[in-house]
C-alpha atoms as a PDB file:
ATOM      1  CA  MET A   1       0.000   0.000   0.000  1.00  0.00           C
ATOM      2  CA  LEU A   2       2.858   2.392   0.832  1.00  0.00           C
ATOM      3  CA  ASN A   3       4.433   1.723  -2.555  1.00  0.00           C
ATOM      4  CA  GLU A   4       1.183   2.696  -4.294  1.00  0.00           C
ATOM      5  CA  LEU A   5       0.962   5.898  -2.233  1.00  0.00           C
ATOM      6  CA  LEU A   6       4.507   6.875  -3.190  1.00  0.00           C
ATOM      7  CA  THR A   7       3.886   6.034  -6.851  1.00  0.00           C
ATOM      8  CA  GLU A   8       0.712   8.127  -6.905  1.00  0.00           C
ATOM      9  CA  SER A   9       2.552  11.012  -5.207  1.00  0.00           C
ATOM     10  CA  ARG A  10       5.347  10.952  -7.797  1.00  0.00           C
ATOM     11  CA  GLN A  11       2.843  10.804 -10.649  1.00  0.00           C
ATOM     12  CA  LEU A  12       0.915  13.731  -9.182  1.00  0.00           C
ATOM     13  CA  VAL A  13       4.017  15.901  -8.897  1.00  0.00           C
ATOM     14  CA  THR A  14       5.134  14.942 -12.405  1.00  0.00           C
ATOM     15  CA  ARG A  15       1.727  15.755 -13.900  1.00  0.00           C
ATOM     16  CA  LEU A  16       1.513  19.112 -12.110  1.00  0.00           C
ATOM     17  CA  GLU A  17       4.990  20.006 -13.373  1.00  0.00           C
ATOM     18  CA  GLU A  18       4.052  18.983 -16.921  1.00  0.00           C
ATOM     19  CA  LEU A  19       0.927  21.136 -16.832  1.00  0.00           C
ATOM     20  CA  ALA A  20       2.889  24.123 -15.495  1.00  0.00           C
ATOM     21  CA  GLN A  21       5.514  24.015 -18.260  1.00  0.00           C
ATOM     22  CA  ALA A  22       4.174  27.205 -19.836  1.00  0.00           C
ATOM     23  CA  GLY A  23       2.994  25.541 -23.022  1.00  0.00           C
ATOM     24  CA  ASP A  24       5.621  24.116 -25.358  1.00  0.00           C
ATOM     25  CA  LYS A  25       8.194  26.769 -24.455  1.00  0.00           C
ATOM     26  CA  LEU A  26       9.896  24.779 -21.689  1.00  0.00           C
ATOM     27  CA  SER A  27      10.878  21.282 -20.694  1.00  0.00           C
ATOM     28  CA  ARG A  28       9.806  20.091 -17.251  1.00  0.00           C
ATOM     29  CA  SER A  29      13.316  20.717 -15.932  1.00  0.00           C
ATOM     30  CA  GLY A  30      13.421  24.109 -17.637  1.00  0.00           C
ATOM     31  CA  ALA A  31      10.195  25.139 -15.929  1.00  0.00           C
ATOM     32  CA  LYS A  32      11.553  23.921 -12.575  1.00  0.00           C
ATOM     33  CA  VAL A  33      14.723  25.978 -13.075  1.00  0.00           C
ATOM     34  CA  LEU A  34      12.784  29.146 -13.870  1.00  0.00           C
ATOM     35  CA  ARG A  35      10.428  28.678 -10.906  1.00  0.00           C
ATOM     36  CA  TYR A  36      13.377  27.993  -8.568  1.00  0.00           C
ATOM     37  CA  LEU A  37      15.230  31.082  -9.772  1.00  0.00           C
ATOM     38  CA  ALA A  38      12.076  33.174  -9.373  1.00  0.00           C
ATOM     39  CA  ASP A  39      11.585  31.857  -5.831  1.00  0.00           C
ATOM     40  CA  HIS A  40      15.263  32.587  -4.993  1.00  0.00           C
ATOM     41  CA  ALA A  41      15.635  35.879  -6.856  1.00  0.00           C
ATOM     42  CA  ASP A  42      17.259  37.548  -3.849  1.00  0.00           C
ATOM     43  CA  THR A  43      19.966  34.907  -3.406  1.00  0.00           C
ATOM     44  CA  VAL A  44      22.980  33.742  -5.356  1.00  0.00           C
ATOM     45  CA  VAL A  45      22.181  30.542  -7.266  1.00  0.00           C
ATOM     46  CA  THR A  46      24.726  28.191  -8.808  1.00  0.00           C
ATOM     47  CA  PRO A  47      24.238  25.507 -11.464  1.00  0.00           C
ATOM     48  CA  THR A  48      25.046  22.881  -8.826  1.00  0.00           C
ATOM     49  CA  GLN A  49      22.160  24.077  -6.631  1.00  0.00           C
ATOM     50  CA  LEU A  50      19.836  23.978  -9.627  1.00  0.00           C
ATOM     51  CA  ALA A  51      21.002  20.472 -10.570  1.00  0.00           C
ATOM     52  CA  ARG A  52      20.269  19.239  -7.038  1.00  0.00           C
ATOM     53  CA  HIS A  53      16.848  20.864  -7.070  1.00  0.00           C
ATOM     54  CA  CYS A  54      15.966  19.325 -10.444  1.00  0.00           C
ATOM     55  CA  GLN A  55      17.600  16.012  -9.540  1.00  0.00           C
ATOM     56  CA  ILE A  56      19.776  15.934 -12.635  1.00  0.00           C
ATOM     57  CA  SER A  57      23.540  15.832 -13.090  1.00  0.00           C
ATOM     58  CA  THR A  58      25.605  19.006 -13.171  1.00  0.00           C
ATOM     59  CA  PRO A  59      26.624  18.404 -16.829  1.00  0.00           C
ATOM     60  CA  ALA A  60      22.944  17.969 -17.759  1.00  0.00           C
ATOM     61  CA  MET A  61      22.171  21.229 -15.936  1.00  0.00           C
ATOM     62  CA  THR A  62      24.943  22.987 -17.855  1.00  0.00           C
ATOM     63  CA  GLN A  63      23.331  21.870 -21.125  1.00  0.00           C
ATOM     64  CA  LEU A  64      19.888  22.932 -19.917  1.00  0.00           C
ATOM     65  CA  LEU A  65      21.202  26.349 -18.864  1.00  0.00           C
ATOM     66  CA  SER A  66      22.820  26.757 -22.288  1.00  0.00           C
ATOM     67  CA  ARG A  67      19.438  26.144 -23.945  1.00  0.00           C
ATOM     68  CA  LEU A  68      17.677  28.524 -21.543  1.00  0.00           C
ATOM     69  CA  GLU A  69      20.369  31.131 -22.137  1.00  0.00           C
ATOM     70  CA  GLN A  70      19.940  30.790 -25.920  1.00  0.00           C
ATOM     71  CA  GLN A  71      16.227  31.465 -25.385  1.00  0.00           C
ATOM     72  CA  ALA A  72      17.169  34.579 -23.347  1.00  0.00           C
ATOM     73  CA  LEU A  73      15.458  33.162 -20.243  1.00  0.00           C
ATOM     74  CA  VAL A  74      18.493  33.014 -17.940  1.00  0.00           C
ATOM     75  CA  GLN A  75      21.835  34.744 -17.694  1.00  0.00           C
ATOM     76  CA  ARG A  76      25.064  33.211 -16.411  1.00  0.00           C
ATOM     77  CA  TRP A  77      28.096  35.110 -15.228  1.00  0.00           C
ATOM     78  CA  HIS A  78      31.262  34.523 -13.235  1.00  0.00           C
ATOM     79  CA  ALA A  79      31.467  35.667  -9.616  1.00  0.00           C
ATOM     80  CA  LYS A  80      33.856  38.574  -9.076  1.00  0.00           C
ATOM     81  CA  ALA A  81      35.396  37.033  -5.953  1.00  0.00           C
ATOM     82  CA  ASP A  82      36.045  33.668  -7.619  1.00  0.00           C
ATOM     83  CA  ARG A  83      35.970  33.617 -11.414  1.00  0.00           C
ATOM     84  CA  ARG A  84      35.632  29.812 -11.335  1.00  0.00           C
ATOM     85  CA  GLN A  85      32.167  30.107  -9.796  1.00  0.00           C
ATOM     86  CA  VAL A  86      29.273  30.486 -12.224  1.00  0.00           C
ATOM     87  CA  LEU A  87      26.085  32.204 -11.046  1.00  0.00           C
ATOM     88  CA  VAL A  88      22.645  32.135 -12.649  1.00  0.00           C
ATOM     89  CA  ARG A  89      19.709  34.544 -12.668  1.00  0.00           C
ATOM     90  CA  LEU A  90      16.522  35.080 -14.618  1.00  0.00           C
ATOM     91  CA  THR A  91      16.221  37.592 -17.414  1.00  0.00           C
ATOM     92  CA  ARG A  92      13.059  39.691 -17.632  1.00  0.00           C
ATOM     93  CA  THR A  93      11.689  37.272 -20.209  1.00  0.00           C
ATOM     94  CA  GLY A  94      12.554  34.330 -17.944  1.00  0.00           C
ATOM     95  CA  ALA A  95      10.929  36.015 -14.953  1.00  0.00           C
ATOM     96  CA  SER A  96       7.762  36.589 -16.955  1.00  0.00           C
ATOM     97  CA  LEU A  97       7.645  32.959 -18.061  1.00  0.00           C
ATOM     98  CA  ALA A  98       8.357  31.774 -14.491  1.00  0.00           C
ATOM     99  CA  GLU A  99       5.497  33.949 -13.248  1.00  0.00           C
ATOM    100  CA  GLN A 100       3.201  32.419 -15.860  1.00  0.00           C
ATOM    101  CA  SER A 101       4.300  28.904 -14.878  1.00  0.00           C
ATOM    102  CA  ASN A 102       3.805  29.639 -11.165  1.00  0.00           C
ATOM    103  CA  ALA A 103       0.342  31.077 -11.820  1.00  0.00           C
ATOM    104  CA  THR A 104      -0.645  28.021 -13.861  1.00  0.00           C
ATOM    105  CA  GLN A 105       0.574  25.687 -11.135  1.00  0.00           C
ATOM    106  CA  LYS A 106      -1.254  27.683  -8.447  1.00  0.00           C
ATOM    107  CA  ASP A 107      -4.495  27.665 -10.472  1.00  0.00           C
ATOM    108  CA  LEU A 108      -4.234  23.900 -10.937  1.00  0.00           C
ATOM    109  CA  GLN A 109      -3.655  23.332  -7.239  1.00  0.00           C
ATOM    110  CA  GLN A 110      -6.636  25.506  -6.309  1.00  0.00           C
ATOM    111  CA  ALA A 111      -8.867  23.683  -8.786  1.00  0.00           C
ATOM    112  CA  LEU A 112      -7.787  20.327  -7.378  1.00  0.00           C
ATOM    113  CA  GLN A 113      -8.185  21.472  -3.792  1.00  0.00           C
ATOM    114  CA  GLY A 114     -11.729  22.588  -4.522  1.00  0.00           C
ATOM    115  CA  SER A 115     -12.550  19.129  -5.937  1.00  0.00           C
ATOM    116  CA  ILE A 116     -11.261  17.053  -3.031  1.00  0.00           C
ATOM    117  CA  PRO A 117     -12.837  17.146   0.435  1.00  0.00           C
ATOM    118  CA  GLU A 118     -10.638  18.895   2.969  1.00  0.00           C
ATOM    119  CA  SER A 119     -10.775  15.883   5.293  1.00  0.00           C
ATOM    120  CA  ASP A 120      -9.256  13.718   2.529  1.00  0.00           C
ATOM    121  CA  LEU A 121      -6.505  16.273   1.933  1.00  0.00           C
ATOM    122  CA  HIS A 122      -5.780  16.437   5.664  1.00  0.00           C
ATOM    123  CA  THR A 123      -5.579  12.632   5.956  1.00  0.00           C
ATOM    124  CA  THR A 124      -3.245  12.412   2.951  1.00  0.00           C
ATOM    125  CA  LEU A 125      -1.045  15.212   4.266  1.00  0.00           C
ATOM    126  CA  THR A 126      -0.821  13.605   7.689  1.00  0.00           C
ATOM    127  CA  THR A 127       0.095  10.246   6.162  1.00  0.00           C
ATOM    128  CA  LEU A 128       2.759  11.705   3.881  1.00  0.00           C
ATOM    129  CA  ALA A 129       4.245  13.690   6.761  1.00  0.00           C
ATOM    130  CA  ARG A 130       4.458  10.511   8.875  1.00  0.00           C
ATOM    131  CA  VAL A 131       6.143   8.601   6.035  1.00  0.00           C
ATOM    132  CA  ASN A 132       8.596  11.464   5.551  1.00  0.00           C
ATOM    133  CA  THR A 133       9.428  11.524   9.275  1.00  0.00           C
ATOM    134  CA  LEU A 134       9.965   7.768   9.321  1.00  0.00           C
ATOM    135  CA  LEU A 135      12.252   7.963   6.283  1.00  0.00           C
ATOM    136  CA  GLN A 136      14.321  10.715   7.882  1.00  0.00           C
ATOM    137  CA  ASN A 137      14.980   8.437  10.844  1.00  0.00           C
ATOM    138  CA  VAL A 138      16.170   5.522   8.700  1.00  0.00           C
END
């Protein structure tokens, strides 16, 4: 039963991410990068942090950032203190697309929440939190 719960959870997250891709303009990972950068606009973000967040390798993230940079959605530059360190931020176009993706995801979540009884959501949340706590203690 736990395996089915985890499978359903993964599928739910995947589907929500697919729907929030901002049309055909972005891959799922690309949309995740833009949303992460938008959520962390006031902090320094490195490709390694983005790779961890997206659960992909650093070389794969480098390729993804190259594509996003070619689309003028992100900008990379070298840190002044350490020229070996690469930093990433959204462009205005990227910020606009991230905002659109975030709004789509929020609308989807609200529509789903309105279709599922709150008691069911509470039970699911409580169960997932317990599983997460148990896994942290393993």
